[in-house]
Every structure is written in C-alpha cells, then in structure tokens.
Amino acid sequence: MSAYETIYTIVRQIPPGQVATYGQVADLANLPGRARLVGYALFRVAPDSDIPWHRVINAKGEVSQSPVRRGSDYLQRALLEEEGIQFSPQGRVNLREYRWNAEGV
C-alpha cells in the first residue's frame, strides 16, 4: 500500500463530528514528521470523494488556508460546522473536545 493509500485509509476512519491533525494522521500512518505529506495527499482528493478530507486540520486547531486551495478552506470549515464542530471567534477548533482519539487504529 502506498503512503497516500495508507493516509486515505486512516482518514476514512475519522468519524463525523471529530477531527484529526495532519501530524496525528502522519503518526498513525507510520510516517512521523510527515504532516506536510498528509496535506499533499488530501489536497489531491476530490471534494466529493468518500475520503472525509475536511476532518483533518492543523495542530493549532485551525483550517489551513492557502490561495492554492481555491476556496476549499472555506468549504472545509462549512463541512465541519455542518457536523456540529464549533469554531472559536479566532477560527480554532477545541482539540480537547473534538480530536479523534483513534483508539484501535
């Protein structure tokens, strides 16, 4: 299985209403220190894919923003809010409340 396939397998396990960080997914994929690789893998996923790419956020609890995302950062926040995830006025998710514990992965 390729690194991207491993990342996608892990991300598919994140339940609605919970999030994981890029670094957390990298660690679970046995790719420690490769959080950026997780970001690259998820950037290649079609928005309507069965991979819940929107449930992966940065270590600060924020949706990573970049002009190359072509608006998917705003879509990501909207999808998370639809799942009941709340953002602070500063645009952060409380990771203590919403972080996926990934037990058994």
PDB file of N, CA and C in Angstrom:
ATOM      1  N   MET A   1       0.855  -1.174   0.000  1.00  0.00           N
ATOM      2  CA  MET A   1       0.000   0.000   0.000  1.00  0.00           C
ATOM      3  C   MET A   1       0.903   1.240   0.000  1.00  0.00           C
ATOM      4  N   SER A   2       0.580   2.216  -0.833  1.00  0.00           N
ATOM      5  CA  SER A   2       1.378   3.439  -0.903  1.00  0.00           C
ATOM      6  C   SER A   2       1.105   4.321   0.318  1.00  0.00           C
ATOM      7  N   ALA A   3       1.962   5.296   0.526  1.00  0.00           N
ATOM      8  CA  ALA A   3       1.783   6.229   1.641  1.00  0.00           C
ATOM      9  C   ALA A   3       0.437   6.942   1.522  1.00  0.00           C
ATOM     10  N   TYR A   4       0.079   7.383   0.308  1.00  0.00           N
ATOM     11  CA  TYR A   4      -1.200   8.069   0.129  1.00  0.00           C
ATOM     12  C   TYR A   4      -2.365   7.138   0.459  1.00  0.00           C
ATOM     13  N   GLU A   5      -2.308   5.903   0.004  1.00  0.00           N
ATOM     14  CA  GLU A   5      -3.388   4.954   0.295  1.00  0.00           C
ATOM     15  C   GLU A   5      -3.513   4.718   1.792  1.00  0.00           C
ATOM     16  N   THR A   6      -2.386   4.638   2.490  1.00  0.00           N
ATOM     17  CA  THR A   6      -2.411   4.464   3.941  1.00  0.00           C
ATOM     18  C   THR A   6      -3.055   5.674   4.605  1.00  0.00           C
ATOM     19  N   ILE A   7      -2.697   6.859   4.161  1.00  0.00           N
ATOM     20  CA  ILE A   7      -3.289   8.092   4.692  1.00  0.00           C
ATOM     21  C   ILE A   7      -4.796   8.082   4.466  1.00  0.00           C
ATOM     22  N   TYR A   8      -5.228   7.735   3.262  1.00  0.00           N
ATOM     23  CA  TYR A   8      -6.658   7.728   2.960  1.00  0.00           C
ATOM     24  C   TYR A   8      -7.401   6.705   3.813  1.00  0.00           C
ATOM     25  N   THR A   9      -6.801   5.550   4.051  1.00  0.00           N
ATOM     26  CA  THR A   9      -7.421   4.522   4.889  1.00  0.00           C
ATOM     27  C   THR A   9      -7.640   5.050   6.305  1.00  0.00           C
ATOM     28  N   ILE A  10      -6.680   5.765   6.822  1.00  0.00           N
ATOM     29  CA  ILE A  10      -6.802   6.326   8.172  1.00  0.00           C
ATOM     30  C   ILE A  10      -7.846   7.425   8.205  1.00  0.00           C
ATOM     31  N   VAL A  11      -7.802   8.330   7.254  1.00  0.00           N
ATOM     32  CA  VAL A  11      -8.736   9.460   7.247  1.00  0.00           C
ATOM     33  C   VAL A  11     -10.179   8.976   7.110  1.00  0.00           C
ATOM     34  N   ARG A  12     -10.400   7.900   6.385  1.00  0.00           N
ATOM     35  CA  ARG A  12     -11.760   7.353   6.255  1.00  0.00           C
ATOM     36  C   ARG A  12     -12.331   6.906   7.601  1.00  0.00           C
ATOM     37  N   GLN A  13     -11.486   6.677   8.585  1.00  0.00           N
ATOM     38  CA  GLN A  13     -11.936   6.199   9.891  1.00  0.00           C
ATOM     39  C   GLN A  13     -12.317   7.323  10.855  1.00  0.00           C
ATOM     40  N   ILE A  14     -12.016   8.565  10.500  1.00  0.00           N
ATOM     41  CA  ILE A  14     -12.353   9.687  11.383  1.00  0.00           C
ATOM     42  C   ILE A  14     -13.867   9.873  11.341  1.00  0.00           C
ATOM     43  N   PRO A  15     -14.537   9.750  12.489  1.00  0.00           N
ATOM     44  CA  PRO A  15     -15.996   9.843  12.482  1.00  0.00           C
ATOM     45  C   PRO A  15     -16.501  11.282  12.327  1.00  0.00           C
ATOM     46  N   PRO A  16     -17.729  11.426  11.852  1.00  0.00           N
ATOM     47  CA  PRO A  16     -18.334  12.760  11.776  1.00  0.00           C
ATOM     48  C   PRO A  16     -18.320  13.423  13.152  1.00  0.00           C
ATOM     49  N   GLY A  17     -18.089  14.718  13.158  1.00  0.00           N
ATOM     50  CA  GLY A  17     -18.080  15.460  14.411  1.00  0.00           C
ATOM     51  C   GLY A  17     -16.756  15.409  15.148  1.00  0.00           C
ATOM     52  N   GLN A  18     -15.749  14.800  14.540  1.00  0.00           N
ATOM     53  CA  GLN A  18     -14.419  14.753  15.133  1.00  0.00           C
ATOM     54  C   GLN A  18     -13.392  15.153  14.081  1.00  0.00           C
ATOM     55  N   VAL A  19     -12.219  15.575  14.560  1.00  0.00           N
ATOM     56  CA  VAL A  19     -11.139  15.972  13.663  1.00  0.00           C
ATOM     57  C   VAL A  19      -9.841  15.291  14.082  1.00  0.00           C
ATOM     58  N   ALA A  20      -8.904  15.262  13.166  1.00  0.00           N
ATOM     59  CA  ALA A  20      -7.537  14.823  13.442  1.00  0.00           C
ATOM     60  C   ALA A  20      -6.616  15.893  12.888  1.00  0.00           C
ATOM     61  N   THR A  21      -5.408  15.932  13.388  1.00  0.00           N
ATOM     62  CA  THR A  21      -4.426  16.872  12.843  1.00  0.00           C
ATOM     63  C   THR A  21      -3.600  16.162  11.774  1.00  0.00           C
ATOM     64  N   TYR A  22      -2.971  16.958  10.930  1.00  0.00           N
ATOM     65  CA  TYR A  22      -2.104  16.388   9.896  1.00  0.00           C
ATOM     66  C   TYR A  22      -1.015  15.522  10.534  1.00  0.00           C
ATOM     67  N   GLY A  23      -0.432  16.012  11.616  1.00  0.00           N
ATOM     68  CA  GLY A  23       0.611  15.258  12.299  1.00  0.00           C
ATOM     69  C   GLY A  23       0.101  13.974  12.915  1.00  0.00           C
ATOM     70  N   GLN A  24      -1.098  14.015  13.461  1.00  0.00           N
ATOM     71  CA  GLN A  24      -1.707  12.818  14.041  1.00  0.00           C
ATOM     72  C   GLN A  24      -1.900  11.750  12.970  1.00  0.00           C
ATOM     73  N   VAL A  25      -2.413  12.151  11.814  1.00  0.00           N
ATOM     74  CA  VAL A  25      -2.608  11.200  10.715  1.00  0.00           C
ATOM     75  C   VAL A  25      -1.260  10.650  10.256  1.00  0.00           C
ATOM     76  N   ALA A  26      -0.263  11.515  10.154  1.00  0.00           N
ATOM     77  CA  ALA A  26       1.073  11.055   9.745  1.00  0.00           C
ATOM     78  C   ALA A  26       1.608  10.016  10.725  1.00  0.00           C
ATOM     79  N   ASP A  27       1.458  10.272  12.014  1.00  0.00           N
ATOM     80  CA  ASP A  27       1.930   9.312  13.017  1.00  0.00           C
ATOM     81  C   ASP A  27       1.193   7.985  12.898  1.00  0.00           C
ATOM     82  N   LEU A  28      -0.127   8.039  12.723  1.00  0.00           N
ATOM     83  CA  LEU A  28      -0.916   6.810  12.597  1.00  0.00           C
ATOM     84  C   LEU A  28      -0.553   6.034  11.333  1.00  0.00           C
ATOM     85  N   ALA A  29      -0.120   6.752  10.304  1.00  0.00           N
ATOM     86  CA  ALA A  29       0.279   6.117   9.043  1.00  0.00           C
ATOM     87  C   ALA A  29       1.729   5.631   9.089  1.00  0.00           C
ATOM     88  N   ASN A  30       2.333   5.730  10.267  1.00  0.00           N
ATOM     89  CA  ASN A  30       3.736   5.344  10.437  1.00  0.00           C
ATOM     90  C   ASN A  30       4.651   6.207   9.565  1.00  0.00           C
ATOM     91  N   LEU A  31       4.285   7.492   9.490  1.00  0.00           N
ATOM     92  CA  LEU A  31       5.058   8.487   8.739  1.00  0.00           C
ATOM     93  C   LEU A  31       5.366   9.673   9.654  1.00  0.00           C
ATOM     94  N   PRO A  32       6.011   9.425  10.806  1.00  0.00           N
ATOM     95  CA  PRO A  32       6.232  10.519  11.758  1.00  0.00           C
ATOM     96  C   PRO A  32       6.994  11.679  11.123  1.00  0.00           C
ATOM     97  N   GLY A  33       6.558  12.886  11.478  1.00  0.00           N
ATOM     98  CA  GLY A  33       7.200  14.077  10.939  1.00  0.00           C
ATOM     99  C   GLY A  33       6.804  14.411   9.516  1.00  0.00           C
ATOM    100  N   ARG A  34       5.832  13.707   8.981  1.00  0.00           N
ATOM    101  CA  ARG A  34       5.446  13.909   7.577  1.00  0.00           C
ATOM    102  C   ARG A  34       4.051  14.530   7.449  1.00  0.00           C
ATOM    103  N   ALA A  35       3.717  15.443   8.348  1.00  0.00           N
ATOM    104  CA  ALA A  35       2.408  16.097   8.308  1.00  0.00           C
ATOM    105  C   ALA A  35       2.150  16.763   6.958  1.00  0.00           C
ATOM    106  N   ARG A  36       3.179  17.350   6.390  1.00  0.00           N
ATOM    107  CA  ARG A  36       3.017  18.028   5.097  1.00  0.00           C
ATOM    108  C   ARG A  36       2.628  17.035   4.001  1.00  0.00           C
ATOM    109  N   LEU A  37       3.156  15.819   4.074  1.00  0.00           N
ATOM    110  CA  LEU A  37       2.785  14.783   3.107  1.00  0.00           C
ATOM    111  C   LEU A  37       1.293  14.476   3.206  1.00  0.00           C
ATOM    112  N   VAL A  38       0.770  14.466   4.428  1.00  0.00           N
ATOM    113  CA  VAL A  38      -0.669  14.250   4.616  1.00  0.00           C
ATOM    114  C   VAL A  38      -1.439  15.368   3.920  1.00  0.00           C
ATOM    115  N   GLY A  39      -0.988  16.599   4.082  1.00  0.00           N
ATOM    116  CA  GLY A  39      -1.628  17.722   3.406  1.00  0.00           C
ATOM    117  C   GLY A  39      -1.600  17.581   1.897  1.00  0.00           C
ATOM    118  N   TYR A  40      -0.468  17.168   1.355  1.00  0.00           N
ATOM    119  CA  TYR A  40      -0.371  16.961  -0.097  1.00  0.00           C
ATOM    120  C   TYR A  40      -1.331  15.872  -0.555  1.00  0.00           C
ATOM    121  N   ALA A  41      -1.402  14.788   0.202  1.00  0.00           N
ATOM    122  CA  ALA A  41      -2.291  13.680  -0.169  1.00  0.00           C
ATOM    123  C   ALA A  41      -3.745  14.134  -0.168  1.00  0.00           C
ATOM    124  N   LEU A  42      -4.131  14.884   0.853  1.00  0.00           N
ATOM    125  CA  LEU A  42      -5.529  15.309   0.951  1.00  0.00           C
ATOM    126  C   LEU A  42      -5.867  16.386  -0.073  1.00  0.00           C
ATOM    127  N   PHE A  43      -4.889  17.181  -0.474  1.00  0.00           N
ATOM    128  CA  PHE A  43      -5.121  18.200  -1.500  1.00  0.00           C
ATOM    129  C   PHE A  43      -5.525  17.551  -2.824  1.00  0.00           C
ATOM    130  N   ARG A  44      -5.087  16.330  -3.043  1.00  0.00           N
ATOM    131  CA  ARG A  44      -5.373  15.634  -4.300  1.00  0.00           C
ATOM    132  C   ARG A  44      -6.728  14.919  -4.307  1.00  0.00           C
ATOM    133  N   VAL A  45      -7.413  14.944  -3.187  1.00  0.00           N
ATOM    134  CA  VAL A  45      -8.705  14.267  -3.082  1.00  0.00           C
ATOM    135  C   VAL A  45      -9.793  15.173  -3.653  1.00  0.00           C
ATOM    136  N   ALA A  46     -10.677  14.603  -4.457  1.00  0.00           N
ATOM    137  CA  ALA A  46     -11.813  15.368  -4.983  1.00  0.00           C
ATOM    138  C   ALA A  46     -12.748  15.732  -3.827  1.00  0.00           C
ATOM    139  N   PRO A  47     -13.314  16.949  -3.845  1.00  0.00           N
ATOM    140  CA  PRO A  47     -14.188  17.365  -2.746  1.00  0.00           C
ATOM    141  C   PRO A  47     -15.357  16.411  -2.490  1.00  0.00           C
ATOM    142  N   ASP A  48     -15.827  15.716  -3.519  1.00  0.00           N
ATOM    143  CA  ASP A  48     -16.971  14.812  -3.350  1.00  0.00           C
ATOM    144  C   ASP A  48     -16.541  13.359  -3.139  1.00  0.00           C
ATOM    145  N   SER A  49     -15.292  13.151  -2.802  1.00  0.00           N
ATOM    146  CA  SER A  49     -14.754  11.813  -2.562  1.00  0.00           C
ATOM    147  C   SER A  49     -15.352  11.208  -1.292  1.00  0.00           C
ATOM    148  N   ASP A  50     -15.203   9.885  -1.142  1.00  0.00           N
ATOM    149  CA  ASP A  50     -15.636   9.229   0.095  1.00  0.00           C
ATOM    150  C   ASP A  50     -14.608   9.418   1.213  1.00  0.00           C
ATOM    151  N   ILE A  51     -13.522  10.092   0.927  1.00  0.00           N
ATOM    152  CA  ILE A  51     -12.496  10.372   1.932  1.00  0.00           C
ATOM    153  C   ILE A  51     -12.865  11.692   2.619  1.00  0.00           C
ATOM    154  N   PRO A  52     -13.120  11.671   3.935  1.00  0.00           N
ATOM    155  CA  PRO A  52     -13.531  12.898   4.623  1.00  0.00           C
ATOM    156  C   PRO A  52     -12.342  13.827   4.907  1.00  0.00           C
ATOM    157  N   TRP A  53     -11.757  14.331   3.848  1.00  0.00           N
ATOM    158  CA  TRP A  53     -10.576  15.193   3.893  1.00  0.00           C
ATOM    159  C   TRP A  53     -10.769  16.391   4.809  1.00  0.00           C
ATOM    160  N   HIS A  54     -12.013  16.840   4.916  1.00  0.00           N
ATOM    161  CA  HIS A  54     -12.306  18.050   5.682  1.00  0.00           C
ATOM    162  C   HIS A  54     -12.111  17.860   7.187  1.00  0.00           C
ATOM    163  N   ARG A  55     -11.993  16.623   7.650  1.00  0.00           N
ATOM    164  CA  ARG A  55     -11.836  16.356   9.085  1.00  0.00           C
ATOM    165  C   ARG A  55     -10.391  16.429   9.557  1.00  0.00           C
ATOM    166  N   VAL A  56      -9.482  16.809   8.688  1.00  0.00           N
ATOM    167  CA  VAL A  56      -8.069  16.925   9.061  1.00  0.00           C
ATOM    168  C   VAL A  56      -7.694  18.407   9.054  1.00  0.00           C
ATOM    169  N   ILE A  57      -7.213  18.869  10.209  1.00  0.00           N
ATOM    170  CA  ILE A  57      -6.882  20.284  10.383  1.00  0.00           C
ATOM    171  C   ILE A  57      -5.463  20.404  10.944  1.00  0.00           C
ATOM    172  N   ASN A  58      -4.999  21.629  11.100  1.00  0.00           N
ATOM    173  CA  ASN A  58      -3.620  21.788  11.580  1.00  0.00           C
ATOM    174  C   ASN A  58      -3.528  21.662  13.102  1.00  0.00           C
ATOM    175  N   ALA A  59      -2.318  21.623  13.607  1.00  0.00           N
ATOM    176  CA  ALA A  59      -2.064  21.377  15.030  1.00  0.00           C
ATOM    177  C   ALA A  59      -2.544  22.509  15.929  1.00  0.00           C
ATOM    178  N   LYS A  60      -2.812  23.677  15.355  1.00  0.00           N
ATOM    179  CA  LYS A  60      -3.359  24.790  16.128  1.00  0.00           C
ATOM    180  C   LYS A  60      -4.874  24.679  16.268  1.00  0.00           C
ATOM    181  N   GLY A  61      -5.467  23.697  15.588  1.00  0.00           N
ATOM    182  CA  GLY A  61      -6.916  23.567  15.601  1.00  0.00           C
ATOM    183  C   GLY A  61      -7.580  24.432  14.544  1.00  0.00           C
ATOM    184  N   GLU A  62      -6.827  24.823  13.551  1.00  0.00           N
ATOM    185  CA  GLU A  62      -7.339  25.703  12.501  1.00  0.00           C
ATOM    186  C   GLU A  62      -7.417  24.986  11.163  1.00  0.00           C
ATOM    187  N   VAL A  63      -8.302  25.478  10.321  1.00  0.00           N
ATOM    188  CA  VAL A  63      -8.328  25.058   8.925  1.00  0.00           C
ATOM    189  C   VAL A  63      -7.167  25.783   8.257  1.00  0.00           C
ATOM    190  N   SER A  64      -6.272  25.043   7.647  1.00  0.00           N
ATOM    191  CA  SER A  64      -5.129  25.665   6.971  1.00  0.00           C
ATOM    192  C   SER A  64      -5.618  26.414   5.739  1.00  0.00           C
ATOM    193  N   GLN A  65      -5.188  27.662   5.619  1.00  0.00           N
ATOM    194  CA  GLN A  65      -5.622  28.487   4.497  1.00  0.00           C
ATOM    195  C   GLN A  65      -4.461  28.735   3.549  1.00  0.00           C
ATOM    196  N   SER A  66      -4.785  28.701   2.274  1.00  0.00           N
ATOM    197  CA  SER A  66      -3.780  28.943   1.242  1.00  0.00           C
ATOM    198  C   SER A  66      -4.491  29.313  -0.049  1.00  0.00           C
ATOM    199  N   PRO A  67      -3.928  30.239  -0.818  1.00  0.00           N
ATOM    200  CA  PRO A  67      -4.545  30.592  -2.098  1.00  0.00           C
ATOM    201  C   PRO A  67      -4.639  29.407  -3.057  1.00  0.00           C
ATOM    202  N   VAL A  68      -3.727  28.443  -2.946  1.00  0.00           N
ATOM    203  CA  VAL A  68      -3.767  27.300  -3.868  1.00  0.00           C
ATOM    204  C   VAL A  68      -4.938  26.365  -3.575  1.00  0.00           C
ATOM    205  N   ARG A  69      -5.605  26.544  -2.451  1.00  0.00           N
ATOM    206  CA  ARG A  69      -6.746  25.682  -2.117  1.00  0.00           C
ATOM    207  C   ARG A  69      -8.000  26.069  -2.901  1.00  0.00           C
ATOM    208  N   ARG A  70      -7.973  27.183  -3.560  1.00  0.00           N
ATOM    209  CA  ARG A  70      -9.081  27.611  -4.427  1.00  0.00           C
ATOM    210  C   ARG A  70     -10.440  27.570  -3.710  1.00  0.00           C
ATOM    211  N   GLY A  71     -10.464  28.038  -2.467  1.00  0.00           N
ATOM    212  CA  GLY A  71     -11.718  28.120  -1.726  1.00  0.00           C
ATOM    213  C   GLY A  71     -12.079  26.886  -0.932  1.00  0.00           C
ATOM    214  N   SER A  72     -11.298  25.819  -1.048  1.00  0.00           N
ATOM    215  CA  SER A  72     -11.658  24.611  -0.302  1.00  0.00           C
ATOM    216  C   SER A  72     -11.493  24.803   1.201  1.00  0.00           C
ATOM    217  N   ASP A  73     -10.728  25.825   1.618  1.00  0.00           N
ATOM    218  CA  ASP A  73     -10.600  26.093   3.044  1.00  0.00           C
ATOM    219  C   ASP A  73     -11.942  26.572   3.614  1.00  0.00           C
ATOM    220  N   TYR A  74     -12.671  27.369   2.857  1.00  0.00           N
ATOM    221  CA  TYR A  74     -13.986  27.817   3.312  1.00  0.00           C
ATOM    222  C   TYR A  74     -14.983  26.661   3.295  1.00  0.00           C
ATOM    223  N   LEU A  75     -14.902  25.826   2.283  1.00  0.00           N
ATOM    224  CA  LEU A  75     -15.748  24.636   2.213  1.00  0.00           C
ATOM    225  C   LEU A  75     -15.451  23.716   3.392  1.00  0.00           C
ATOM    226  N   GLN A  76     -14.184  23.557   3.732  1.00  0.00           N
ATOM    227  CA  GLN A  76     -13.801  22.685   4.840  1.00  0.00           C
ATOM    228  C   GLN A  76     -14.455  23.151   6.139  1.00  0.00           C
ATOM    229  N   ARG A  77     -14.379  24.426   6.419  1.00  0.00           N
ATOM    230  CA  ARG A  77     -14.993  24.935   7.647  1.00  0.00           C
ATOM    231  C   ARG A  77     -16.501  24.708   7.623  1.00  0.00           C
ATOM    232  N   ALA A  78     -17.137  24.972   6.504  1.00  0.00           N
ATOM    233  CA  ALA A  78     -18.586  24.780   6.408  1.00  0.00           C
ATOM    234  C   ALA A  78     -18.967  23.317   6.643  1.00  0.00           C
ATOM    235  N   LEU A  79     -18.205  22.388   6.068  1.00  0.00           N
ATOM    236  CA  LEU A  79     -18.495  20.965   6.259  1.00  0.00           C
ATOM    237  C   LEU A  79     -18.319  20.556   7.717  1.00  0.00           C
ATOM    238  N   LEU A  80     -17.295  21.074   8.370  1.00  0.00           N
ATOM    239  CA  LEU A  80     -17.087  20.765   9.784  1.00  0.00           C
ATOM    240  C   LEU A  80     -18.217  21.337  10.635  1.00  0.00           C
ATOM    241  N   GLU A  81     -18.641  22.546  10.341  1.00  0.00           N
ATOM    242  CA  GLU A  81     -19.745  23.150  11.092  1.00  0.00           C
ATOM    243  C   GLU A  81     -21.034  22.367  10.887  1.00  0.00           C
ATOM    244  N   GLU A  82     -21.255  21.839   9.685  1.00  0.00           N
ATOM    245  CA  GLU A  82     -22.437  21.004   9.434  1.00  0.00           C
ATOM    246  C   GLU A  82     -22.429  19.750  10.300  1.00  0.00           C
ATOM    247  N   GLU A  83     -21.244  19.283  10.668  1.00  0.00           N
ATOM    248  CA  GLU A  83     -21.114  18.098  11.515  1.00  0.00           C
ATOM    249  C   GLU A  83     -21.171  18.446  13.003  1.00  0.00           C
ATOM    250  N   GLY A  84     -21.395  19.722  13.318  1.00  0.00           N
ATOM    251  CA  GLY A  84     -21.536  20.135  14.712  1.00  0.00           C
ATOM    252  C   GLY A  84     -20.263  20.627  15.365  1.00  0.00           C
ATOM    253  N   ILE A  85     -19.193  20.729  14.622  1.00  0.00           N
ATOM    254  CA  ILE A  85     -17.936  21.217  15.183  1.00  0.00           C
ATOM    255  C   ILE A  85     -17.998  22.736  15.260  1.00  0.00           C
ATOM    256  N   GLN A  86     -17.688  23.250  16.441  1.00  0.00           N
ATOM    257  CA  GLN A  86     -17.748  24.689  16.656  1.00  0.00           C
ATOM    258  C   GLN A  86     -16.354  25.299  16.594  1.00  0.00           C
ATOM    259  N   PHE A  87     -16.307  26.509  16.063  1.00  0.00           N
ATOM    260  CA  PHE A  87     -15.066  27.266  15.959  1.00  0.00           C
ATOM    261  C   PHE A  87     -15.123  28.445  16.922  1.00  0.00           C
ATOM    262  N   SER A  88     -13.991  28.770  17.511  1.00  0.00           N
ATOM    263  CA  SER A  88     -13.891  29.951  18.366  1.00  0.00           C
ATOM    264  C   SER A  88     -13.950  31.192  17.479  1.00  0.00           C
ATOM    265  N   PRO A  89     -14.127  32.372  18.080  1.00  0.00           N
ATOM    266  CA  PRO A  89     -14.085  33.598  17.279  1.00  0.00           C
ATOM    267  C   PRO A  89     -12.759  33.770  16.531  1.00  0.00           C
ATOM    268  N   GLN A  90     -11.699  33.126  17.016  1.00  0.00           N
ATOM    269  CA  GLN A  90     -10.396  33.195  16.354  1.00  0.00           C
ATOM    270  C   GLN A  90     -10.256  32.149  15.250  1.00  0.00           C
ATOM    271  N   GLY A  91     -11.311  31.354  15.018  1.00  0.00           N
ATOM    272  CA  GLY A  91     -11.279  30.364  13.947  1.00  0.00           C
ATOM    273  C   GLY A  91     -10.626  29.052  14.327  1.00  0.00           C
ATOM    274  N   ARG A  92     -10.634  28.736  15.622  1.00  0.00           N
ATOM    275  CA  ARG A  92      -9.998  27.498  16.084  1.00  0.00           C
ATOM    276  C   ARG A  92     -11.025  26.499  16.599  1.00  0.00           C
ATOM    277  N   VAL A  93     -10.676  25.233  16.422  1.00  0.00           N
ATOM    278  CA  VAL A  93     -11.453  24.122  16.962  1.00  0.00           C
ATOM    279  C   VAL A  93     -10.788  23.720  18.277  1.00  0.00           C
ATOM    280  N   ASN A  94     -11.585  23.448  19.293  1.00  0.00           N
ATOM    281  CA  ASN A  94     -11.047  22.973  20.566  1.00  0.00           C
ATOM    282  C   ASN A  94     -10.652  21.508  20.390  1.00  0.00           C
ATOM    283  N   LEU A  95      -9.360  21.262  20.253  1.00  0.00           N
ATOM    284  CA  LEU A  95      -8.890  19.896  20.003  1.00  0.00           C
ATOM    285  C   LEU A  95      -9.152  18.974  21.187  1.00  0.00           C
ATOM    286  N   ARG A  96      -9.190  19.507  22.401  1.00  0.00           N
ATOM    287  CA  ARG A  96      -9.504  18.653  23.555  1.00  0.00           C
ATOM    288  C   ARG A  96     -10.917  18.096  23.451  1.00  0.00           C
ATOM    289  N   GLU A  97     -11.785  18.848  22.827  1.00  0.00           N
ATOM    290  CA  GLU A  97     -13.184  18.425  22.696  1.00  0.00           C
ATOM    291  C   GLU A  97     -13.439  17.597  21.437  1.00  0.00           C
ATOM    292  N   TYR A  98     -12.830  17.966  20.332  1.00  0.00           N
ATOM    293  CA  TYR A  98     -13.195  17.369  19.045  1.00  0.00           C
ATOM    294  C   TYR A  98     -12.148  16.433  18.433  1.00  0.00           C
ATOM    295  N   ARG A  99     -10.974  16.326  19.044  1.00  0.00           N
ATOM    296  CA  ARG A  99      -9.927  15.477  18.445  1.00  0.00           C
ATOM    297  C   ARG A  99     -10.314  14.002  18.533  1.00  0.00           C
ATOM    298  N   TRP A 100     -10.164  13.329  17.419  1.00  0.00           N
ATOM    299  CA  TRP A 100     -10.404  11.888  17.316  1.00  0.00           C
ATOM    300  C   TRP A 100      -9.342  11.168  18.130  1.00  0.00           C
ATOM    301  N   ASN A 101      -9.764  10.205  18.978  1.00  0.00           N
ATOM    302  CA  ASN A 101      -8.768   9.513  19.799  1.00  0.00           C
ATOM    303  C   ASN A 101      -8.107   8.351  19.063  1.00  0.00           C
ATOM    304  N   ALA A 102      -8.644   7.931  17.940  1.00  0.00           N
ATOM    305  CA  ALA A 102      -8.024   6.930  17.061  1.00  0.00           C
ATOM    306  C   ALA A 102      -7.671   5.635  17.780  1.00  0.00           C
ATOM    307  N   GLU A 103      -8.413   5.317  18.807  1.00  0.00           N
ATOM    308  CA  GLU A 103      -8.139   4.091  19.551  1.00  0.00           C
ATOM    309  C   GLU A 103      -8.340   2.869  18.666  1.00  0.00           C
ATOM    310  N   GLY A 104      -7.395   1.987  18.681  1.00  0.00           N
ATOM    311  CA  GLY A 104      -7.501   0.758  17.914  1.00  0.00           C
ATOM    312  C   GLY A 104      -7.060   0.855  16.466  1.00  0.00           C
ATOM    313  N   VAL A 105      -6.556   2.007  16.059  1.00  0.00           N
ATOM    314  CA  VAL A 105      -6.114   2.165  14.667  1.00  0.00           C
ATOM    315  C   VAL A 105      -4.679   1.712  14.539  1.00  0.00           C
TER     316      VAL A 105
END
